[in-house]
Amino acid sequence: MDLTERMESSQTIFKGHIVKLTVDQVRLPDGNPAQREVVYHPGGVAVLALDGENRVTLVRQYRYPIRQLLLELPAGKLDHGLEDPIEGARRELAEETGLEAEEWTYLGHILASPGFCTEDLHMYLARGLTRKGQHLDEDEFLDVVTMPFEELVGQVMDGTITDAKTVAATLKVKVLLGL
């Protein structure tokens, strides 16, 4: 069975600095009409920075949409959606933590919430770390936190850490490295 929904029309409701929202009229596989709200996002990156002693560097920041502090991997959006994901990963790691890495391993990508959003997150493992100077964006406020990788895995597994990109990258690294 062809499960494709076909767009018949689209109306842009909002276009901001990061996202665009459309309301689309679609035709369902059974021929009936439906409406879909779609948030277009330029995509992003997340970096699990692991040092030689198996400690990971995270950031703690306030996330306004959920009104909570979260502990998560350094991450950010790709600039204008055109930036090469590895370059975005290098940039975000340096900006948020002041770290640079010699070795990069691509961990794949995840779709943040494909039921309504196009955001595609590319995940990386960074090793061979060197500390340089942190340089946050002017509207960015966060604390840098370092913890043993096994503690991060424990917090992912017990539900303390719920950020999707952090959960996915942590479990991928655990399997990849056998830690």
C-alpha atoms as a PDB file:
ATOM      1  CA  MET A   1       0.000   0.000   0.000  1.00  0.00           C
ATOM      2  CA  ASP A   2       1.256   3.489  -0.860  1.00  0.00           C
ATOM      3  CA  LEU A   3       1.275   5.409   2.460  1.00  0.00           C
ATOM      4  CA  THR A   4       2.379   8.727   0.965  1.00  0.00           C
ATOM      5  CA  GLU A   5       0.460  11.871   1.878  1.00  0.00           C
ATOM      6  CA  ARG A   6       0.439  14.359  -1.005  1.00  0.00           C
ATOM      7  CA  MET A   7       0.522  18.096  -0.393  1.00  0.00           C
ATOM      8  CA  GLU A   8      -2.132  20.042  -2.237  1.00  0.00           C
ATOM      9  CA  SER A   9      -1.364  23.482  -0.798  1.00  0.00           C
ATOM     10  CA  SER A  10       0.849  25.109   1.802  1.00  0.00           C
ATOM     11  CA  GLN A  11       0.559  28.362   3.715  1.00  0.00           C
ATOM     12  CA  THR A  12       3.461  29.890   5.662  1.00  0.00           C
ATOM     13  CA  ILE A  13       2.120  30.998   9.040  1.00  0.00           C
ATOM     14  CA  PHE A  14       5.394  32.134  10.617  1.00  0.00           C
ATOM     15  CA  LYS A  15       8.978  32.614   9.510  1.00  0.00           C
ATOM     16  CA  GLY A  16      11.491  33.385  12.262  1.00  0.00           C
ATOM     17  CA  HIS A  17      15.252  33.382  12.673  1.00  0.00           C
ATOM     18  CA  ILE A  18      15.370  29.622  13.293  1.00  0.00           C
ATOM     19  CA  VAL A  19      12.110  28.000  12.201  1.00  0.00           C
ATOM     20  CA  LYS A  20       9.361  28.338   9.643  1.00  0.00           C
ATOM     21  CA  LEU A  21       5.826  27.041  10.310  1.00  0.00           C
ATOM     22  CA  THR A  22       3.466  26.024   7.532  1.00  0.00           C
ATOM     23  CA  VAL A  23      -0.052  24.650   7.498  1.00  0.00           C
ATOM     24  CA  ASP A  24      -0.366  22.206   4.626  1.00  0.00           C
ATOM     25  CA  GLN A  25      -3.466  20.705   3.076  1.00  0.00           C
ATOM     26  CA  VAL A  26      -2.714  17.086   2.128  1.00  0.00           C
ATOM     27  CA  ARG A  27      -4.449  14.172   0.495  1.00  0.00           C
ATOM     28  CA  LEU A  28      -4.263  10.957   2.577  1.00  0.00           C
ATOM     29  CA  PRO A  29      -3.602   7.509   1.038  1.00  0.00           C
ATOM     30  CA  ASP A  30      -7.353   6.761   1.165  1.00  0.00           C
ATOM     31  CA  GLY A  31      -8.146   9.967  -0.762  1.00  0.00           C
ATOM     32  CA  ASN A  32      -9.471  11.968   2.185  1.00  0.00           C
ATOM     33  CA  PRO A  33      -8.176  15.474   2.918  1.00  0.00           C
ATOM     34  CA  ALA A  34      -6.209  16.361   6.062  1.00  0.00           C
ATOM     35  CA  GLN A  35      -4.240  19.251   7.471  1.00  0.00           C
ATOM     36  CA  ARG A  36      -0.600  19.087   8.629  1.00  0.00           C
ATOM     37  CA  GLU A  37       1.334  21.654  10.630  1.00  0.00           C
ATOM     38  CA  VAL A  38       5.045  21.516   9.772  1.00  0.00           C
ATOM     39  CA  VAL A  39       7.959  23.217  11.506  1.00  0.00           C
ATOM     40  CA  TYR A  40      10.958  23.565   9.196  1.00  0.00           C
ATOM     41  CA  HIS A  41      14.302  23.630  11.049  1.00  0.00           C
ATOM     42  CA  PRO A  42      17.822  23.941   9.552  1.00  0.00           C
ATOM     43  CA  GLY A  43      19.092  20.892  11.454  1.00  0.00           C
ATOM     44  CA  GLY A  44      21.643  20.619  14.192  1.00  0.00           C
ATOM     45  CA  VAL A  45      24.593  18.859  15.732  1.00  0.00           C
ATOM     46  CA  ALA A  46      25.452  17.298  19.097  1.00  0.00           C
ATOM     47  CA  VAL A  47      28.899  16.336  20.367  1.00  0.00           C
ATOM     48  CA  LEU A  48      29.845  13.768  22.981  1.00  0.00           C
ATOM     49  CA  ALA A  49      33.322  14.971  23.998  1.00  0.00           C
ATOM     50  CA  LEU A  50      35.187  12.147  25.755  1.00  0.00           C
ATOM     51  CA  ASP A  51      38.599  12.708  27.324  1.00  0.00           C
ATOM     52  CA  GLY A  52      41.387  10.191  27.897  1.00  0.00           C
ATOM     53  CA  GLU A  53      40.020   9.308  31.341  1.00  0.00           C
ATOM     54  CA  ASN A  54      36.536   8.529  29.969  1.00  0.00           C
ATOM     55  CA  ARG A  55      35.011  11.745  31.281  1.00  0.00           C
ATOM     56  CA  VAL A  56      32.409  13.514  29.205  1.00  0.00           C
ATOM     57  CA  THR A  57      31.822  17.257  28.959  1.00  0.00           C
ATOM     58  CA  LEU A  58      28.212  18.420  29.124  1.00  0.00           C
ATOM     59  CA  VAL A  59      26.423  21.739  29.428  1.00  0.00           C
ATOM     60  CA  ARG A  60      23.695  22.723  31.868  1.00  0.00           C
ATOM     61  CA  GLN A  61      21.335  25.326  30.508  1.00  0.00           C
ATOM     62  CA  TYR A  62      17.838  26.626  30.931  1.00  0.00           C
ATOM     63  CA  ARG A  63      15.491  25.536  28.165  1.00  0.00           C
ATOM     64  CA  TYR A  64      12.707  28.070  27.933  1.00  0.00           C
ATOM     65  CA  PRO A  65      10.102  25.957  26.043  1.00  0.00           C
ATOM     66  CA  ILE A  66       9.983  23.413  28.902  1.00  0.00           C
ATOM     67  CA  ARG A  67      10.889  25.902  31.677  1.00  0.00           C
ATOM     68  CA  GLN A  68      13.643  23.630  33.058  1.00  0.00           C
ATOM     69  CA  LEU A  69      17.376  23.343  33.455  1.00  0.00           C
ATOM     70  CA  LEU A  70      18.728  20.473  31.377  1.00  0.00           C
ATOM     71  CA  LEU A  71      22.045  18.671  31.396  1.00  0.00           C
ATOM     72  CA  GLU A  72      22.881  17.836  27.794  1.00  0.00           C
ATOM     73  CA  LEU A  73      25.621  17.436  25.232  1.00  0.00           C
ATOM     74  CA  PRO A  74      27.077  20.544  23.627  1.00  0.00           C
ATOM     75  CA  ALA A  75      24.889  21.141  20.605  1.00  0.00           C
ATOM     76  CA  GLY A  76      23.396  23.704  18.315  1.00  0.00           C
ATOM     77  CA  LYS A  77      21.745  24.438  15.023  1.00  0.00           C
ATOM     78  CA  LEU A  78      23.499  24.398  11.708  1.00  0.00           C
ATOM     79  CA  ASP A  79      24.055  27.920  10.456  1.00  0.00           C
ATOM     80  CA  HIS A  80      21.494  28.685   7.741  1.00  0.00           C
ATOM     81  CA  GLY A  81      21.030  24.963   7.131  1.00  0.00           C
ATOM     82  CA  LEU A  82      23.977  25.050   4.703  1.00  0.00           C
ATOM     83  CA  GLU A  83      26.817  24.395   7.127  1.00  0.00           C
ATOM     84  CA  ASP A  84      28.619  21.051   6.904  1.00  0.00           C
ATOM     85  CA  PRO A  85      27.584  19.119  10.048  1.00  0.00           C
ATOM     86  CA  ILE A  86      31.202  18.359  11.078  1.00  0.00           C
ATOM     87  CA  GLU A  87      32.027  22.063  10.886  1.00  0.00           C
ATOM     88  CA  GLY A  88      28.946  22.853  12.948  1.00  0.00           C
ATOM     89  CA  ALA A  89      30.010  20.250  15.512  1.00  0.00           C
ATOM     90  CA  ARG A  90      33.512  21.739  15.773  1.00  0.00           C
ATOM     91  CA  ARG A  91      32.063  25.238  16.106  1.00  0.00           C
ATOM     92  CA  GLU A  92      29.494  24.318  18.762  1.00  0.00           C
ATOM     93  CA  LEU A  93      31.980  22.320  20.862  1.00  0.00           C
ATOM     94  CA  ALA A  94      34.439  25.220  20.853  1.00  0.00           C
ATOM     95  CA  GLU A  95      31.809  27.902  21.497  1.00  0.00           C
ATOM     96  CA  GLU A  96      30.036  26.137  24.344  1.00  0.00           C
ATOM     97  CA  THR A  97      32.891  24.326  26.104  1.00  0.00           C
ATOM     98  CA  GLY A  98      36.142  25.817  24.843  1.00  0.00           C
ATOM     99  CA  LEU A  99      37.230  22.359  23.671  1.00  0.00           C
ATOM    100  CA  GLU A 100      38.811  21.338  20.396  1.00  0.00           C
ATOM    101  CA  ALA A 101      39.196  17.715  19.311  1.00  0.00           C
ATOM    102  CA  GLU A 102      41.742  15.875  17.169  1.00  0.00           C
ATOM    103  CA  GLU A 103      39.557  12.833  16.473  1.00  0.00           C
ATOM    104  CA  TRP A 104      35.948  12.911  15.263  1.00  0.00           C
ATOM    105  CA  THR A 105      33.638   9.930  14.797  1.00  0.00           C
ATOM    106  CA  TYR A 106      30.269  10.353  13.119  1.00  0.00           C
ATOM    107  CA  LEU A 107      27.562   8.597  15.162  1.00  0.00           C
ATOM    108  CA  GLY A 108      24.741   9.060  12.675  1.00  0.00           C
ATOM    109  CA  HIS A 109      21.705  11.276  12.850  1.00  0.00           C
ATOM    110  CA  ILE A 110      18.298  11.298  14.471  1.00  0.00           C
ATOM    111  CA  LEU A 111      15.041  12.990  13.568  1.00  0.00           C
ATOM    112  CA  ALA A 112      14.042  15.059  16.571  1.00  0.00           C
ATOM    113  CA  SER A 113      10.273  14.768  16.198  1.00  0.00           C
ATOM    114  CA  PRO A 114       9.285  13.827  12.624  1.00  0.00           C
ATOM    115  CA  GLY A 115       5.563  13.998  13.310  1.00  0.00           C
ATOM    116  CA  PHE A 116       5.697  17.780  12.945  1.00  0.00           C
ATOM    117  CA  CYS A 117       9.319  18.935  12.556  1.00  0.00           C
ATOM    118  CA  THR A 118      12.076  18.547   9.939  1.00  0.00           C
ATOM    119  CA  GLU A 119      14.952  18.897  12.450  1.00  0.00           C
ATOM    120  CA  ASP A 120      17.726  16.403  11.673  1.00  0.00           C
ATOM    121  CA  LEU A 121      20.425  16.124  14.373  1.00  0.00           C
ATOM    122  CA  HIS A 122      23.908  14.869  13.480  1.00  0.00           C
ATOM    123  CA  MET A 123      25.818  13.309  16.378  1.00  0.00           C
ATOM    124  CA  TYR A 124      29.577  13.053  16.837  1.00  0.00           C
ATOM    125  CA  LEU A 125      32.063  11.546  19.260  1.00  0.00           C
ATOM    126  CA  ALA A 126      35.020  13.886  19.836  1.00  0.00           C
ATOM    127  CA  ARG A 127      38.294  12.678  21.364  1.00  0.00           C
ATOM    128  CA  GLY A 128      41.841  13.982  21.701  1.00  0.00           C
ATOM    129  CA  LEU A 129      40.549  17.046  23.502  1.00  0.00           C
ATOM    130  CA  THR A 130      42.390  20.318  24.070  1.00  0.00           C
ATOM    131  CA  ARG A 131      40.954  23.161  26.129  1.00  0.00           C
ATOM    132  CA  LYS A 132      40.927  26.560  24.424  1.00  0.00           C
ATOM    133  CA  GLY A 133      38.761  29.580  25.160  1.00  0.00           C
ATOM    134  CA  GLN A 134      34.987  29.307  25.442  1.00  0.00           C
ATOM    135  CA  HIS A 135      33.100  31.912  23.376  1.00  0.00           C
ATOM    136  CA  LEU A 136      29.343  31.744  23.900  1.00  0.00           C
ATOM    137  CA  ASP A 137      26.787  33.487  21.715  1.00  0.00           C
ATOM    138  CA  GLU A 138      25.588  36.753  23.274  1.00  0.00           C
ATOM    139  CA  ASP A 139      22.221  35.207  24.228  1.00  0.00           C
ATOM    140  CA  GLU A 140      23.700  31.936  25.523  1.00  0.00           C
ATOM    141  CA  PHE A 141      24.160  31.216  29.226  1.00  0.00           C
ATOM    142  CA  LEU A 142      25.322  27.809  30.430  1.00  0.00           C
ATOM    143  CA  ASP A 143      27.543  25.931  32.854  1.00  0.00           C
ATOM    144  CA  VAL A 144      30.098  23.381  31.666  1.00  0.00           C
ATOM    145  CA  VAL A 145      29.939  20.086  33.587  1.00  0.00           C
ATOM    146  CA  THR A 146      32.356  17.158  33.416  1.00  0.00           C
ATOM    147  CA  MET A 147      31.472  13.691  34.691  1.00  0.00           C
ATOM    148  CA  PRO A 148      32.588  10.090  34.231  1.00  0.00           C
ATOM    149  CA  PHE A 149      31.019   8.518  31.145  1.00  0.00           C
ATOM    150  CA  GLU A 150      29.559   5.680  33.259  1.00  0.00           C
ATOM    151  CA  GLU A 151      27.766   8.285  35.410  1.00  0.00           C
ATOM    152  CA  LEU A 152      26.269   9.815  32.260  1.00  0.00           C
ATOM    153  CA  VAL A 153      25.073   6.364  31.152  1.00  0.00           C
ATOM    154  CA  GLY A 154      23.518   5.843  34.598  1.00  0.00           C
ATOM    155  CA  GLN A 155      21.660   9.167  34.402  1.00  0.00           C
ATOM    156  CA  VAL A 156      20.414   8.334  30.907  1.00  0.00           C
ATOM    157  CA  MET A 157      19.199   4.921  32.064  1.00  0.00           C
ATOM    158  CA  ASP A 158      17.503   6.150  35.268  1.00  0.00           C
ATOM    159  CA  GLY A 159      15.705   8.973  33.446  1.00  0.00           C
ATOM    160  CA  THR A 160      17.588  11.857  35.050  1.00  0.00           C
ATOM    161  CA  ILE A 161      18.760  12.931  31.591  1.00  0.00           C
ATOM    162  CA  THR A 162      15.888  13.058  29.116  1.00  0.00           C
ATOM    163  CA  ASP A 163      17.266  15.188  26.279  1.00  0.00           C
ATOM    164  CA  ALA A 164      16.859  13.015  23.158  1.00  0.00           C
ATOM    165  CA  LYS A 165      20.162  13.848  21.470  1.00  0.00           C
ATOM    166  CA  THR A 166      22.078  13.215  24.692  1.00  0.00           C
ATOM    167  CA  VAL A 167      20.305   9.893  25.275  1.00  0.00           C
ATOM    168  CA  ALA A 168      20.872   8.712  21.697  1.00  0.00           C
ATOM    169  CA  ALA A 169      24.533   9.738  21.430  1.00  0.00           C
ATOM    170  CA  THR A 170      25.361   8.340  24.883  1.00  0.00           C
ATOM    171  CA  LEU A 171      23.909   4.932  24.098  1.00  0.00           C
ATOM    172  CA  LYS A 172      25.543   4.856  20.667  1.00  0.00           C
ATOM    173  CA  VAL A 173      28.948   5.601  22.220  1.00  0.00           C
ATOM    174  CA  LYS A 174      28.393   3.003  24.917  1.00  0.00           C
ATOM    175  CA  VAL A 175      27.771   0.345  22.272  1.00  0.00           C
ATOM    176  CA  LEU A 176      30.482   1.602  19.895  1.00  0.00           C
ATOM    177  CA  LEU A 177      33.225   1.680  22.527  1.00  0.00           C
ATOM    178  CA  GLY A 178      31.923  -1.074  24.788  1.00  0.00           C
ATOM    179  CA  LEU A 179      32.109   1.224  27.809  1.00  0.00           C
END
